[in-house]
Each structure stands twice: as C-alpha cells, then as structure tokens.
Amino acid sequence: MPRGLKRHTEMATTYTGKVRIISRDEYEDVMRLCRQLHSENGIFTMDENKVRSILDLAFDKKGGILAGIGPKGKLEGLLYLLLSSFWYSNDHHWEELFLYVDPAHRKSRNAVELLRFGKWCVEQSGFPLFIGILSDSSTARKELLYERQLHSTGSGRFFIYKKNEAA
C-alpha cells in the first residue's frame, strides 16, 4: 500500500465543505453524469463496464475518491481523483479523471467547490494534483477558472491528432 493511501480513505470523512463522498447507492445517478460527460467530451466509445470498474475503485476505497455535490438522487457535479504515479517513479499524485458539472448547474459555484475539495485532498495527503481540461467547448473559460482556483497557469498542454477520415 503506497504511503498516504490509508490516510486518504480516512481524510475524506472530515471535509466540512459542500462536497461529499459519493456512496455506492448513488451508482445510477453517477452513471447518468458519466454518460452526460461522455456525450459532451468523449473522444472514444464509452464502455460502461470499464466505467463501473473505475468507479468501484472509489466505492471500494482502493485508491479512488469520488466526490460530488448535490443531494442523493440529484447529483449536480462530480470530481474523481485517482491515486496514481508516473511510469518512472514510485512517488504518488492525485490524477483527476474528471470534474464535471451538470449543464443545469453550470451557473452555480459547483465547479469551484469541487476544485476546492481537490485542493483539500492535496493539503491533507501531501500528494500533488494533476488536473486538466479536455474539451472542445468553453475551453478558454475553463482555463481561466482553473488558473484562478489553482493559482497556476498550467504545466503543459494536450494535443490530439486523429487520422484524417476525409482522405
């Protein structure tokens, strides 16, 4: 078990903000938001069995944290953090798999609250957070939000090159 892993499963119970840890009995509401996220930003086909296996890492406290905002049955947003490491190191970090707010709640402060929870996880565990934006819409607005909330201008960019299907 990596240093800090046990601590991360305990720390999430003491957070006092609006964000809460999502429980297994909210599976279908989580899947609703995952489907919405994929329909907006998915690059590849969605394999629901794979999604469920990744969610299980959080539900089973095996290195994942699934945090959300909104009442049970009416989730408004989610943040999934996975304890990970780069291929060249045994040093751990939080890898953001997704931060998503339901379109009906995008004028709220839910994204800010979810980011605040992610920063709290860093402060509690000592592991850095790697978080990014992979989107075709509102990218500049999202970049500004992340810059303001994380006090950073980022550390690189992702590029996607696909086979030209018109050729």
Foldseek 3Di string as FASTA:
>chain_A
DDQLLVVLVVVQVPDDDQKHFDEPVLVVVVVVQVVVVCVFFNPDDDDVVVVVVLVVCCNVSVFKTWMFHDDRPDTFWIWIWGWDDDPVDPATATETPDTDGDPVCPVDCRSLRNLVVVVVSCVRRVHYYDDDDRGPPPRVVVQVVCCVSVVDNDDDDDDDDDDDPVD
